[in-house]
Amino acid sequence: RTSMSKKRIRKNIWKKKTYFSIVQSYSLAKSRSFLSGKEHPKPKGFSE
């Protein structure tokens, strides 16, 4: 029983880690596109 709960906890931790990494990469790409957008103005209403 303890091993099952441990596996579940590990899975949850792994899920959280992947979620955070996805959010980090997404925010990084967003900030990058924002910086490039400042250098090269995009037309209004433009969305990726």
N, C-alpha and C. Protein backbone atom coordinates (compact mmCIF):
# COMPACT_ATOMS: atom_id res chain seq x y z
N ARG A 1 0.84 -1.21 0.00
CA ARG A 1 0.00 0.00 0.00
C ARG A 1 0.88 1.26 0.00
N THR A 2 1.91 1.26 0.83
CA THR A 2 2.76 2.45 0.91
C THR A 2 3.44 2.70 -0.44
N SER A 3 3.86 1.62 -1.10
CA SER A 3 4.55 1.79 -2.38
C SER A 3 3.60 2.43 -3.40
N MET A 4 2.33 2.04 -3.37
CA MET A 4 1.36 2.61 -4.31
C MET A 4 1.21 4.12 -4.09
N SER A 5 1.08 4.52 -2.83
CA SER A 5 0.92 5.94 -2.52
C SER A 5 2.18 6.70 -2.93
N LYS A 6 3.34 6.08 -2.69
CA LYS A 6 4.61 6.73 -3.05
C LYS A 6 4.66 6.96 -4.56
N LYS A 7 4.25 5.95 -5.31
CA LYS A 7 4.25 6.07 -6.78
C LYS A 7 3.34 7.21 -7.20
N ARG A 8 2.18 7.29 -6.56
CA ARG A 8 1.21 8.34 -6.90
C ARG A 8 1.81 9.72 -6.63
N ILE A 9 2.47 9.85 -5.47
CA ILE A 9 3.07 11.14 -5.10
C ILE A 9 4.15 11.51 -6.12
N ARG A 10 4.95 10.51 -6.50
CA ARG A 10 6.01 10.76 -7.47
C ARG A 10 5.42 11.24 -8.79
N LYS A 11 4.32 10.60 -9.20
CA LYS A 11 3.66 10.99 -10.46
C LYS A 11 3.19 12.43 -10.36
N ASN A 12 2.59 12.78 -9.24
CA ASN A 12 2.09 14.15 -9.06
C ASN A 12 3.23 15.15 -9.14
N ILE A 13 4.36 14.83 -8.49
CA ILE A 13 5.52 15.73 -8.51
C ILE A 13 6.01 15.90 -9.94
N TRP A 14 6.07 14.76 -10.69
CA TRP A 14 6.53 14.80 -12.07
C TRP A 14 5.60 15.68 -12.91
N LYS A 15 4.29 15.52 -12.68
CA LYS A 15 3.30 16.32 -13.41
C LYS A 15 3.51 17.80 -13.12
N LYS A 16 3.71 18.12 -11.84
CA LYS A 16 3.92 19.53 -11.45
C LYS A 16 5.17 20.08 -12.12
N LYS A 17 6.23 19.28 -12.12
CA LYS A 17 7.50 19.73 -12.73
C LYS A 17 7.30 20.02 -14.20
N THR A 18 6.63 19.11 -14.91
CA THR A 18 6.42 19.31 -16.34
C THR A 18 5.54 20.54 -16.57
N TYR A 19 4.53 20.72 -15.73
CA TYR A 19 3.63 21.87 -15.86
C TYR A 19 4.40 23.18 -15.71
N PHE A 20 5.25 23.22 -14.67
CA PHE A 20 6.03 24.43 -14.42
C PHE A 20 6.99 24.71 -15.57
N SER A 21 7.62 23.65 -16.09
CA SER A 21 8.57 23.83 -17.20
C SER A 21 7.84 24.35 -18.44
N ILE A 22 6.62 23.84 -18.67
CA ILE A 22 5.83 24.29 -19.82
C ILE A 22 5.48 25.77 -19.66
N VAL A 23 5.05 26.13 -18.45
CA VAL A 23 4.68 27.52 -18.19
C VAL A 23 5.89 28.43 -18.35
N GLN A 24 7.04 27.97 -17.84
CA GLN A 24 8.27 28.77 -17.94
C GLN A 24 8.64 29.00 -19.40
N SER A 25 8.64 27.93 -20.19
CA SER A 25 9.02 28.05 -21.60
C SER A 25 8.02 28.95 -22.33
N TYR A 26 6.74 28.83 -21.97
CA TYR A 26 5.71 29.64 -22.62
C TYR A 26 5.92 31.13 -22.31
N SER A 27 6.16 31.43 -21.03
CA SER A 27 6.36 32.82 -20.62
C SER A 27 7.63 33.37 -21.27
N LEU A 28 8.66 32.52 -21.39
CA LEU A 28 9.92 32.94 -22.00
C LEU A 28 9.68 33.30 -23.47
N ALA A 29 8.94 32.45 -24.17
CA ALA A 29 8.65 32.70 -25.59
C ALA A 29 7.82 33.97 -25.72
N LYS A 30 6.88 34.16 -24.79
CA LYS A 30 6.01 35.34 -24.82
C LYS A 30 6.86 36.61 -24.67
N SER A 31 7.75 36.62 -23.69
CA SER A 31 8.59 37.80 -23.45
C SER A 31 9.50 38.03 -24.65
N ARG A 32 9.98 36.95 -25.26
CA ARG A 32 10.86 37.08 -26.42
C ARG A 32 10.10 37.71 -27.59
N SER A 33 8.90 37.21 -27.83
CA SER A 33 8.09 37.75 -28.93
C SER A 33 7.74 39.21 -28.64
N PHE A 34 7.55 39.53 -27.35
CA PHE A 34 7.22 40.90 -26.95
C PHE A 34 8.40 41.83 -27.26
N LEU A 35 9.61 41.37 -26.94
CA LEU A 35 10.81 42.16 -27.19
C LEU A 35 11.00 42.36 -28.69
N SER A 36 10.85 41.29 -29.46
CA SER A 36 11.01 41.39 -30.91
C SER A 36 9.91 42.28 -31.49
N GLY A 37 8.73 42.22 -30.88
CA GLY A 37 7.62 43.06 -31.34
C GLY A 37 7.94 44.53 -31.15
N LYS A 38 8.67 44.85 -30.08
CA LYS A 38 9.05 46.25 -29.82
C LYS A 38 10.00 46.73 -30.93
N GLU A 39 10.96 45.87 -31.30
CA GLU A 39 11.93 46.24 -32.33
C GLU A 39 11.25 46.38 -33.69
N HIS A 40 10.37 45.42 -34.00
CA HIS A 40 9.65 45.43 -35.28
C HIS A 40 8.15 45.54 -34.98
N PRO A 41 7.58 46.72 -35.05
CA PRO A 41 6.16 46.90 -34.71
C PRO A 41 5.27 46.03 -35.59
N LYS A 42 4.34 45.32 -34.92
CA LYS A 42 3.40 44.46 -35.67
C LYS A 42 2.07 45.19 -35.85
N PRO A 43 1.31 44.84 -36.87
CA PRO A 43 0.00 45.48 -37.08
C PRO A 43 -0.94 45.21 -35.92
N LYS A 44 -1.85 46.15 -35.67
CA LYS A 44 -2.79 45.99 -34.55
C LYS A 44 -3.70 44.81 -34.81
N GLY A 45 -4.04 44.10 -33.72
CA GLY A 45 -4.93 42.94 -33.87
C GLY A 45 -4.16 41.68 -34.23
N PHE A 46 -2.82 41.79 -34.31
CA PHE A 46 -2.02 40.60 -34.65
C PHE A 46 -1.85 39.73 -33.41
N SER A 47 -2.11 38.43 -33.55
CA SER A 47 -1.94 37.52 -32.41
C SER A 47 -1.35 36.21 -32.91
N GLU A 48 -0.42 35.64 -32.12
CA GLU A 48 0.24 34.39 -32.52
C GLU A 48 -0.67 33.22 -32.28
